[in-house]
């Protein structure tokens, strides 16, 4: 299937490793011109070499710490400067903030909400007017599940992203812009390998994941590429898990 993405442009955050890296590679393979951001610019350089070696356009590399106060405005401006425009925004940066104590500091809450809610929202806000002007755009948010065993600051923030994205989708659909969210399940990544032992991953695969295994980043990236394409123009305001059936609830 031709996804009709050749020469579209995209900004992918958190692209140095794992899911973000796979998303960048998948979009590049479809002919998308990329700006990729992360804190570890050496990893971005490795990604750029891989994409170029595979025949894709060499990405624009943007070193960015999204916790800095003006990070969203600076990142959006750098992406537009490097690409000319941004057709597709993939908000992937962030990560789990597991709070197992009953009382959590305000600083910890601020960090979790800033990285996982405010920055994705601010990036979209910084890029939406030029998408409206061109009459086309895609905003795709990599979020998280909504079944926490205890308080997780990122889960709270990403539940907010689901609500915000739904509202935004209703406001910008008439301009040819779609807004969707993808909550990953257990996808192999640095964070997964750091937080879960091989024994736990094997147990969970057998006992809690219907398809019987953890997912690969490319399996989620393929959905991103489709949602980013003109072929997905009638899908908006959706929350589509990629989790092998791990979620227990239908909504």
Protein backbone atom coordinates (compact mmCIF):
# COMPACT_ATOMS: atom_id res chain seq x y z
CA UNK A 1 0.00 0.00 0.00
CA UNK A 2 1.31 3.42 -0.96
CA UNK A 3 0.84 5.63 2.09
CA UNK A 4 1.23 8.78 -0.03
CA UNK A 5 3.74 10.25 2.42
CA UNK A 6 6.58 11.05 0.03
CA UNK A 7 7.99 14.53 0.76
CA UNK A 8 5.71 15.15 3.72
CA UNK A 9 7.58 16.58 6.72
CA UNK A 10 7.54 15.42 10.34
CA UNK A 11 8.90 16.30 13.75
CA UNK A 12 9.44 13.27 15.99
CA UNK A 13 10.38 13.89 19.62
CA UNK A 14 12.20 11.38 21.79
CA UNK A 15 13.66 9.84 18.64
CA UNK A 16 17.04 8.68 19.93
CA UNK A 17 16.04 5.14 20.94
CA UNK A 18 13.16 2.70 21.19
CA UNK A 19 9.71 3.65 19.97
CA UNK A 20 10.71 7.13 18.78
CA UNK A 21 13.64 5.79 16.78
CA UNK A 22 11.43 3.16 15.13
CA UNK A 23 8.82 5.81 14.28
CA UNK A 24 11.47 7.97 12.62
CA UNK A 25 12.76 5.01 10.62
CA UNK A 26 9.26 3.99 9.53
CA UNK A 27 8.35 7.50 8.36
CA UNK A 28 11.69 7.94 6.59
CA UNK A 29 11.15 4.67 4.74
CA UNK A 30 7.92 6.18 3.35
CA UNK A 31 9.79 9.21 2.00
CA UNK A 32 9.04 11.64 4.85
CA UNK A 33 11.58 14.41 5.53
CA UNK A 34 12.28 14.44 9.25
CA UNK A 35 13.36 16.62 12.11
CA UNK A 36 14.22 14.44 15.11
CA UNK A 37 14.83 15.60 18.66
CA UNK A 38 16.20 14.17 21.90
CA UNK A 39 18.74 15.01 24.57
CA UNK A 40 21.29 12.49 23.28
CA UNK A 41 22.39 13.99 19.98
CA UNK A 42 24.98 11.23 19.46
CA UNK A 43 22.13 8.73 19.24
CA UNK A 44 20.30 11.02 16.81
CA UNK A 45 23.44 11.11 14.64
CA UNK A 46 23.49 7.30 14.56
CA UNK A 47 19.82 7.33 13.55
CA UNK A 48 20.50 9.85 10.79
CA UNK A 49 23.28 7.66 9.40
CA UNK A 50 20.98 4.63 9.38
CA UNK A 51 18.20 6.52 7.61
CA UNK A 52 20.55 7.94 5.00
CA UNK A 53 22.17 4.53 4.42
CA UNK A 54 18.71 3.07 3.80
CA UNK A 55 18.03 5.70 1.12
CA UNK A 56 15.99 8.16 3.16
CA UNK A 57 16.43 11.89 3.52
CA UNK A 58 19.01 12.73 6.19
CA UNK A 59 17.05 14.14 9.16
CA UNK A 60 17.47 17.52 10.79
CA UNK A 61 18.93 16.85 14.24
CA UNK A 62 17.74 18.96 17.18
CA UNK A 63 19.24 18.54 20.64
CA UNK A 64 16.47 19.35 23.10
CA UNK A 65 15.71 18.94 26.79
CA UNK A 66 11.95 19.32 26.91
CA UNK A 67 11.98 20.21 30.59
CA UNK A 68 13.53 23.60 29.83
CA UNK A 69 10.92 26.34 30.11
CA UNK A 70 10.98 27.51 26.48
CA UNK A 71 11.72 24.11 24.95
CA UNK A 72 8.51 23.73 22.94
CA UNK A 73 8.76 27.10 21.19
CA UNK A 74 12.44 26.62 20.41
CA UNK A 75 11.92 23.07 19.13
CA UNK A 76 9.00 24.05 16.89
CA UNK A 77 10.98 26.98 15.46
CA UNK A 78 14.03 24.80 14.80
CA UNK A 79 11.93 22.16 13.04
CA UNK A 80 10.26 24.74 10.79
CA UNK A 81 13.62 26.33 10.03
CA UNK A 82 15.14 22.98 9.11
CA UNK A 83 12.21 21.57 7.13
CA UNK A 84 10.37 24.65 5.86
CA UNK A 85 7.14 23.40 7.45
CA UNK A 86 5.94 20.59 9.73
CA UNK A 87 3.08 18.48 8.37
CA UNK A 88 3.24 15.75 11.02
CA UNK A 89 3.97 16.06 14.73
CA UNK A 90 4.72 12.89 16.69
CA UNK A 91 4.78 13.62 20.42
CA UNK A 92 6.80 10.72 21.78
CA UNK A 93 9.05 12.23 24.46
CA UNK A 94 8.19 11.59 28.09
CA UNK A 95 8.15 8.46 30.20
CA UNK A 96 6.82 6.71 33.26
CA UNK A 97 6.90 8.55 36.59
CA UNK A 98 5.92 5.86 39.09
CA UNK A 99 4.94 7.29 42.50
CA UNK A 100 4.70 4.41 44.97
CA UNK A 101 4.67 6.63 48.05
CA UNK A 102 1.41 8.12 49.28
CA UNK A 103 2.88 11.64 49.49
CA UNK A 104 4.85 12.90 46.50
CA UNK A 105 6.73 16.18 46.21
CA UNK A 106 5.33 19.00 44.11
CA UNK A 107 8.59 19.06 42.14
CA UNK A 108 8.07 15.43 41.11
CA UNK A 109 4.49 16.14 40.06
CA UNK A 110 5.55 19.24 38.14
CA UNK A 111 8.19 17.29 36.21
CA UNK A 112 5.78 14.48 35.32
CA UNK A 113 3.00 16.80 34.15
CA UNK A 114 5.36 19.13 32.29
CA UNK A 115 7.05 16.42 30.23
CA UNK A 116 3.99 14.28 29.60
CA UNK A 117 1.24 16.90 29.20
CA UNK A 118 2.36 20.49 28.86
CA UNK A 119 5.16 20.00 26.34
CA UNK A 120 3.16 17.89 23.85
CA UNK A 121 0.30 20.37 24.09
CA UNK A 122 2.64 23.34 23.66
CA UNK A 123 4.36 21.78 20.65
CA UNK A 124 1.03 21.20 18.96
CA UNK A 125 -0.02 24.76 19.76
CA UNK A 126 3.21 26.10 18.24
CA UNK A 127 2.74 24.15 15.01
CA UNK A 128 -1.04 24.14 14.50
CA UNK A 129 -1.37 27.52 12.74
CA UNK A 130 0.98 26.57 9.91
CA UNK A 131 -0.90 23.25 9.53
CA UNK A 132 -4.17 25.20 9.30
CA UNK A 133 -2.62 27.52 6.72
CA UNK A 134 -1.62 24.57 4.53
CA UNK A 135 -4.95 22.79 5.01
CA UNK A 136 -3.38 19.54 6.20
CA UNK A 137 -1.74 18.11 9.29
CA UNK A 138 -1.33 15.17 11.60
CA UNK A 139 -0.75 15.18 15.38
CA UNK A 140 0.00 11.78 16.89
CA UNK A 141 0.62 11.40 20.61
CA UNK A 142 2.33 8.36 22.09
CA UNK A 143 0.62 8.14 25.46
CA UNK A 144 0.11 5.35 28.03
CA UNK A 145 -2.35 2.96 29.60
CA UNK A 146 -5.02 4.02 32.07
CA UNK A 147 -4.99 1.09 34.49
CA UNK A 148 -2.38 2.02 37.12
CA UNK A 149 -1.76 -0.21 40.13
CA UNK A 150 -0.73 2.91 42.08
CA UNK A 151 -0.20 6.60 41.33
CA UNK A 152 1.87 7.23 38.24
CA UNK A 153 2.40 10.87 37.33
CA UNK A 154 2.83 10.07 33.65
CA UNK A 155 -0.43 8.09 33.53
CA UNK A 156 -2.28 11.07 34.97
CA UNK A 157 -0.70 13.42 32.46
CA UNK A 158 -1.36 11.15 29.52
CA UNK A 159 -4.99 10.69 30.50
CA UNK A 160 -5.10 14.48 30.20
CA UNK A 161 -3.53 14.21 26.75
CA UNK A 162 -6.33 11.86 25.67
CA UNK A 163 -8.93 14.43 26.72
CA UNK A 164 -7.05 17.37 25.21
CA UNK A 165 -6.46 15.52 21.93
CA UNK A 166 -10.13 14.63 21.60
CA UNK A 167 -11.15 18.25 22.09
CA UNK A 168 -8.50 19.53 19.69
CA UNK A 169 -9.54 17.02 17.03
CA UNK A 170 -13.04 18.48 17.04
CA UNK A 171 -11.71 21.99 16.51
CA UNK A 172 -9.24 21.35 13.68
CA UNK A 173 -10.82 18.57 11.64
CA UNK A 174 -12.34 21.08 9.23
CA UNK A 175 -8.82 22.18 8.34
CA UNK A 176 -7.72 18.71 7.23
CA UNK A 177 -5.91 18.00 10.51
CA UNK A 178 -6.33 14.81 12.51
CA UNK A 179 -5.31 14.24 16.14
CA UNK A 180 -4.90 10.74 17.55
CA UNK A 181 -3.31 8.94 20.51
CA UNK A 182 -1.51 5.61 20.74
CA UNK A 183 -1.02 4.11 24.21
CA UNK A 184 1.71 1.46 24.01
CA UNK A 185 1.55 -1.72 26.00
CA UNK A 186 4.74 -3.59 26.78
CA UNK A 187 7.01 -2.58 23.91
CA UNK A 188 10.69 -3.53 24.07
CA UNK A 189 12.68 -0.42 24.96
CA UNK A 190 15.42 0.84 27.25
CA UNK A 191 12.80 1.66 29.88
CA UNK A 192 11.30 -1.83 29.73
CA UNK A 193 14.69 -3.53 30.03
CA UNK A 194 15.60 -1.21 32.91
CA UNK A 195 12.38 -1.66 34.88
CA UNK A 196 11.42 -5.30 34.31
CA UNK A 197 13.52 -8.42 34.76
CA UNK A 198 13.62 -11.17 32.10
CA UNK A 199 11.75 -13.40 34.53
CA UNK A 200 8.94 -10.89 34.99
CA UNK A 201 8.70 -10.24 31.25
CA UNK A 202 8.38 -13.98 30.61
CA UNK A 203 5.73 -14.35 33.34
CA UNK A 204 3.70 -11.38 32.11
CA UNK A 205 3.88 -12.53 28.50
CA UNK A 206 2.44 -15.89 29.49
CA UNK A 207 -0.14 -14.72 32.02
CA UNK A 208 -1.32 -11.22 31.11
CA UNK A 209 -0.74 -10.54 27.42
CA UNK A 210 -3.16 -12.45 25.16
CA UNK A 211 -0.76 -12.61 22.20
CA UNK A 212 1.88 -14.06 24.51
CA UNK A 213 4.80 -11.66 24.07
CA UNK A 214 6.07 -8.11 24.39
CA UNK A 215 5.83 -5.95 21.27
CA UNK A 216 8.56 -4.55 19.07
CA UNK A 217 8.92 -0.80 18.44
CA UNK A 218 8.36 -1.28 14.72
CA UNK A 219 4.90 -2.73 15.34
CA UNK A 220 3.79 0.55 16.89
CA UNK A 221 5.70 2.61 14.32
CA UNK A 222 3.72 1.00 11.50
CA UNK A 223 0.49 2.35 13.00
CA UNK A 224 2.03 5.80 13.33
CA UNK A 225 2.97 5.77 9.65
CA UNK A 226 -0.58 4.86 8.68
CA UNK A 227 -2.20 7.48 10.93
CA UNK A 228 0.22 10.06 9.55
CA UNK A 229 -0.80 9.30 5.99
CA UNK A 230 -3.54 10.77 3.81
CA UNK A 231 -5.13 7.32 3.82
CA UNK A 232 -6.07 7.78 7.50
CA UNK A 233 -7.88 11.07 6.99
CA UNK A 234 -11.14 9.78 8.50
CA UNK A 235 -9.53 8.62 11.76
CA UNK A 236 -9.39 11.41 14.32
CA UNK A 237 -9.91 11.83 18.04
CA UNK A 238 -9.13 8.14 18.53
CA UNK A 239 -7.17 6.33 21.22
CA UNK A 240 -5.73 3.16 19.65
CA UNK A 241 -3.72 0.86 21.94
CA UNK A 242 -0.84 -1.23 20.61
CA UNK A 243 -0.54 -3.71 23.47
CA UNK A 244 -1.18 -7.27 22.33
CA UNK A 245 -4.53 -7.19 24.14
CA UNK A 246 -3.05 -6.26 27.55
CA UNK A 247 -5.76 -3.68 28.32
CA UNK A 248 -8.69 -5.26 30.16
CA UNK A 249 -11.35 -2.73 29.20
CA UNK A 250 -12.91 -1.98 25.84
CA UNK A 251 -13.01 1.82 26.33
